[in-house]
Amino acid sequence: MKADRYNLFNFIHKALRAQLYDTALTLQKTDVTIETETETAIEKVQQTLKSFESHAEKENHFILPAISKFDKQKALMIEGEHDTDEALSEQMKNKMEALRFAPVEQKDRTGRQLFYLFIEFTGFNLIHMNKEEHILNEILWENYSEEELMAITAEIMKSIPPSEMMEIFPWMMKGITNLELIGFLADLEKGLPTETFDAVMNMAHRTIPERLNFKSASEAL
């Protein structure tokens, strides 16, 4: 992998991996006979599925058409894996409903089934994201300039509602390196209205206080 080229998957995939790991650990520790624990775990699974569904939609709309111009077969392969991912999501949605309404004596078994489904979903997506960062990036780097790749990212960012941004940003902040975090916040500080950026920084201080010892991104540079 050419580390010196712009990787448009980098930040979002790190965010999604962080969300996967956190949700898997929550499920692994959940006592499904305790309703509050079960609801917390189900809510995390639902949010994770929502993140992956939204991400796949954006890849299908913005990235795969750019790939298809040069390698239709690989674009179709990734699109097919998105369909597989959607099927796994539907299985988990059904299993979450089953867990909510299962009799007490069946909750443990149903909870284990949900956990194993989520681990299958996690493994599938970790491999899937690796494929994208290796196979798709090679095609993108061969056929597009840095400016063109950044333009694709800009189009994706424009399509994301602010509420969705505020849901994924905490996972991104947890998942990226310190240097990436500083650059990420600096870019936001340049591109966002002051009020919006202040809201992002407040969220950052709540989410990752141990990694932030500055009031603004420019202070860290």
Protein backbone atom coordinates (compact mmCIF):
# COMPACT_ATOMS: atom_id res chain seq x y z
CA MET A 1 0.00 0.00 0.00
CA LYS A 2 1.35 3.41 -0.98
CA ALA A 3 1.25 5.27 2.32
CA ASP A 4 2.19 8.57 0.70
CA ARG A 5 -0.99 8.74 -1.41
CA TYR A 6 -4.26 10.22 -0.19
CA ASN A 7 -6.44 7.47 1.30
CA LEU A 8 -10.05 8.64 1.20
CA PHE A 9 -11.15 5.61 3.26
CA ASN A 10 -8.73 6.23 6.14
CA PHE A 11 -10.67 8.34 8.66
CA ILE A 12 -14.10 6.82 8.14
CA HIS A 13 -12.80 3.25 8.26
CA LYS A 14 -10.91 3.98 11.49
CA ALA A 15 -14.13 5.42 12.93
CA LEU A 16 -16.14 2.36 11.87
CA ARG A 17 -13.55 -0.05 13.29
CA ALA A 18 -13.59 1.81 16.63
CA GLN A 19 -17.39 1.56 16.71
CA LEU A 20 -17.28 -2.15 15.85
CA TYR A 21 -14.75 -2.94 18.60
CA ASP A 22 -16.65 -0.96 21.23
CA THR A 23 -20.00 -2.54 20.37
CA ALA A 24 -18.56 -6.06 20.27
CA LEU A 25 -17.08 -5.61 23.75
CA THR A 26 -20.37 -4.24 25.08
CA LEU A 27 -22.27 -7.24 23.70
CA GLN A 28 -19.67 -9.63 25.08
CA LYS A 29 -20.13 -8.22 28.61
CA THR A 30 -23.92 -7.81 28.54
CA ASP A 31 -26.09 -9.74 30.98
CA VAL A 32 -29.19 -10.14 28.82
CA THR A 33 -31.34 -10.99 31.84
CA ILE A 34 -30.91 -7.34 32.95
CA GLU A 35 -33.17 -5.15 30.81
CA THR A 36 -31.14 -1.93 31.10
CA GLU A 37 -27.93 -3.69 30.00
CA THR A 38 -29.76 -5.36 27.12
CA GLU A 39 -31.22 -2.08 25.89
CA THR A 40 -27.82 -0.37 26.04
CA ALA A 41 -26.30 -3.18 23.97
CA ILE A 42 -29.15 -3.18 21.45
CA GLU A 43 -28.91 0.59 21.04
CA LYS A 44 -25.18 0.30 20.32
CA VAL A 45 -25.77 -2.43 17.74
CA GLN A 46 -28.49 -0.35 16.08
CA GLN A 47 -26.21 2.70 15.89
CA THR A 48 -23.39 0.60 14.45
CA LEU A 49 -25.64 -0.91 11.78
CA LYS A 50 -26.89 2.59 10.93
CA SER A 51 -23.29 3.81 10.51
CA PHE A 52 -22.39 0.95 8.18
CA GLU A 53 -25.58 1.29 6.14
CA SER A 54 -24.94 5.00 5.65
CA HIS A 55 -21.29 4.35 4.74
CA ALA A 56 -22.20 1.71 2.15
CA GLU A 57 -24.73 4.07 0.56
CA LYS A 58 -22.09 6.76 0.19
CA GLU A 59 -19.57 4.34 -1.28
CA ASN A 60 -22.16 3.05 -3.74
CA HIS A 61 -23.07 6.58 -4.79
CA PHE A 62 -19.74 8.41 -4.80
CA ILE A 63 -16.83 5.94 -4.91
CA LEU A 64 -17.94 2.86 -6.85
CA PRO A 65 -18.93 4.90 -9.93
CA ALA A 66 -15.38 6.29 -9.96
CA ILE A 67 -14.04 2.72 -9.72
CA SER A 68 -16.45 1.36 -12.32
CA LYS A 69 -15.06 3.66 -15.02
CA PHE A 70 -11.80 1.69 -14.88
CA ASP A 71 -12.69 -1.69 -13.35
CA LYS A 72 -16.37 -2.59 -13.42
CA GLN A 73 -15.76 -6.09 -12.07
CA LYS A 74 -14.19 -4.90 -8.83
CA ALA A 75 -16.88 -2.26 -8.37
CA LEU A 76 -19.53 -4.97 -8.71
CA MET A 77 -17.63 -7.19 -6.26
CA ILE A 78 -17.65 -4.49 -3.57
CA GLU A 79 -21.29 -3.64 -4.27
CA GLY A 80 -22.13 -7.34 -3.84
CA GLU A 81 -20.36 -7.35 -0.49
CA HIS A 82 -22.46 -4.37 0.54
CA ASP A 83 -25.53 -6.50 -0.22
CA THR A 84 -24.11 -9.29 1.97
CA ASP A 85 -23.55 -6.76 4.73
CA GLU A 86 -27.15 -5.60 4.45
CA ALA A 87 -28.37 -9.20 4.79
CA LEU A 88 -26.30 -9.65 7.96
CA SER A 89 -27.77 -6.40 9.30
CA GLU A 90 -31.31 -7.64 8.71
CA GLN A 91 -30.54 -10.87 10.55
CA MET A 92 -29.32 -8.87 13.55
CA LYS A 93 -32.35 -6.58 13.51
CA ASN A 94 -34.60 -9.64 13.66
CA LYS A 95 -32.49 -11.17 16.43
CA MET A 96 -32.62 -7.95 18.49
CA GLU A 97 -36.40 -8.01 18.31
CA ALA A 98 -36.37 -11.67 19.33
CA LEU A 99 -34.13 -10.85 22.30
CA ARG A 100 -36.37 -8.04 23.49
CA PHE A 101 -39.45 -10.30 23.60
CA ALA A 102 -37.84 -13.62 24.50
CA PRO A 103 -39.02 -15.38 27.68
CA VAL A 104 -36.49 -15.21 30.52
CA GLU A 105 -35.39 -18.82 30.01
CA GLN A 106 -34.55 -18.11 26.33
CA LYS A 107 -32.81 -14.75 26.73
CA ASP A 108 -29.32 -16.14 27.31
CA ARG A 109 -29.48 -18.33 24.20
CA THR A 110 -30.91 -15.52 22.05
CA GLY A 111 -28.32 -13.07 23.38
CA ARG A 112 -25.50 -15.45 22.43
CA GLN A 113 -26.99 -15.79 18.94
CA LEU A 114 -27.02 -11.99 18.57
CA PHE A 115 -23.42 -11.79 19.78
CA TYR A 116 -22.22 -14.43 17.31
CA LEU A 117 -24.06 -12.68 14.48
CA PHE A 118 -22.38 -9.42 15.41
CA ILE A 119 -18.96 -11.07 15.50
CA GLU A 120 -19.65 -12.47 12.02
CA PHE A 121 -20.65 -8.94 10.92
CA THR A 122 -17.48 -7.53 12.50
CA GLY A 123 -15.18 -10.07 10.84
CA PHE A 124 -16.85 -9.61 7.47
CA ASN A 125 -16.53 -5.82 7.62
CA LEU A 126 -12.93 -5.80 8.80
CA ILE A 127 -11.95 -7.91 5.79
CA HIS A 128 -14.23 -5.88 3.52
CA MET A 129 -12.65 -2.58 4.57
CA ASN A 130 -9.17 -4.06 4.08
CA LYS A 131 -10.14 -5.02 0.52
CA GLU A 132 -11.34 -1.50 -0.18
CA GLU A 133 -8.18 0.11 1.16
CA HIS A 134 -5.95 -2.18 -0.89
CA ILE A 135 -7.85 -3.14 -4.05
CA LEU A 136 -9.92 0.02 -4.58
CA ASN A 137 -7.17 2.42 -3.56
CA GLU A 138 -4.83 0.91 -6.16
CA ILE A 139 -7.41 1.67 -8.86
CA LEU A 140 -8.08 5.16 -7.50
CA TRP A 141 -4.39 6.01 -7.21
CA GLU A 142 -3.64 4.78 -10.70
CA ASN A 143 -6.39 6.84 -12.31
CA TYR A 144 -7.05 9.91 -10.14
CA SER A 145 -4.94 12.79 -8.83
CA GLU A 146 -4.83 13.81 -5.17
CA GLU A 147 -7.03 16.79 -5.99
CA GLU A 148 -9.63 14.57 -7.67
CA LEU A 149 -9.68 12.16 -4.73
CA MET A 150 -10.05 15.02 -2.27
CA ALA A 151 -12.91 16.34 -4.41
CA ILE A 152 -14.70 12.99 -4.00
CA THR A 153 -14.25 13.28 -0.22
CA ALA A 154 -15.59 16.84 -0.33
CA GLU A 155 -18.72 15.68 -2.20
CA ILE A 156 -19.28 12.94 0.37
CA MET A 157 -18.88 15.42 3.23
CA LYS A 158 -21.40 17.79 1.64
CA SER A 159 -23.96 14.97 1.51
CA ILE A 160 -23.77 14.22 5.25
CA PRO A 161 -26.32 15.99 7.49
CA PRO A 162 -24.83 17.77 10.55
CA SER A 163 -26.61 15.37 12.93
CA GLU A 164 -24.94 12.39 11.25
CA MET A 165 -21.58 14.17 11.39
CA MET A 166 -21.90 14.59 15.13
CA GLU A 167 -22.65 10.87 15.50
CA ILE A 168 -19.60 9.66 13.57
CA PHE A 169 -17.05 12.31 14.68
CA PRO A 170 -16.61 10.86 18.21
CA TRP A 171 -15.71 7.45 16.76
CA MET A 172 -13.35 9.09 14.30
CA MET A 173 -11.63 10.96 17.11
CA LYS A 174 -11.27 7.76 19.11
CA GLY A 175 -9.94 5.80 16.15
CA ILE A 176 -7.30 8.05 14.57
CA THR A 177 -3.73 8.82 15.63
CA ASN A 178 -2.79 11.96 17.58
CA LEU A 179 -1.21 13.53 14.50
CA GLU A 180 -4.27 12.70 12.40
CA LEU A 181 -6.49 14.17 15.12
CA ILE A 182 -4.58 17.47 15.14
CA GLY A 183 -4.76 17.75 11.35
CA PHE A 184 -8.44 16.77 11.33
CA LEU A 185 -9.36 19.44 13.88
CA ALA A 186 -7.22 22.04 12.10
CA ASP A 187 -9.06 21.37 8.83
CA LEU A 188 -12.40 21.66 10.61
CA GLU A 189 -11.35 24.91 12.26
CA LYS A 190 -10.59 26.37 8.81
CA GLY A 191 -13.76 25.08 7.16
CA LEU A 192 -16.50 25.39 9.77
CA PRO A 193 -18.28 28.44 11.22
CA THR A 194 -16.88 29.32 14.65
CA GLU A 195 -20.03 28.25 16.50
CA THR A 196 -20.07 24.86 14.77
CA PHE A 197 -16.37 24.27 15.36
CA ASP A 198 -16.77 25.18 19.03
CA ALA A 199 -19.48 22.51 19.29
CA VAL A 200 -17.10 19.98 17.71
CA MET A 201 -14.33 20.92 20.15
CA ASN A 202 -16.69 20.64 23.11
CA MET A 203 -17.64 17.18 21.90
CA ALA A 204 -13.96 16.29 21.49
CA HIS A 205 -13.18 17.33 25.06
CA ARG A 206 -16.06 15.15 26.29
CA THR A 207 -15.09 12.21 24.08
CA ILE A 208 -11.30 12.10 24.32
CA PRO A 209 -10.24 14.48 27.14
CA GLU A 210 -7.05 12.49 27.75
CA ARG A 211 -5.82 13.32 24.23
CA LEU A 212 -6.66 17.02 24.23
CA ASN A 213 -4.56 19.53 26.15
CA PHE A 214 -5.34 22.50 23.92
CA LYS A 215 -8.36 24.75 23.41
CA SER A 216 -8.22 24.92 19.62
CA ALA A 217 -6.60 22.89 16.87
CA SER A 218 -4.30 25.76 15.92
CA GLU A 219 -2.80 25.71 19.44
CA ALA A 220 -1.60 22.16 18.84
CA LEU A 221 0.14 22.87 15.55
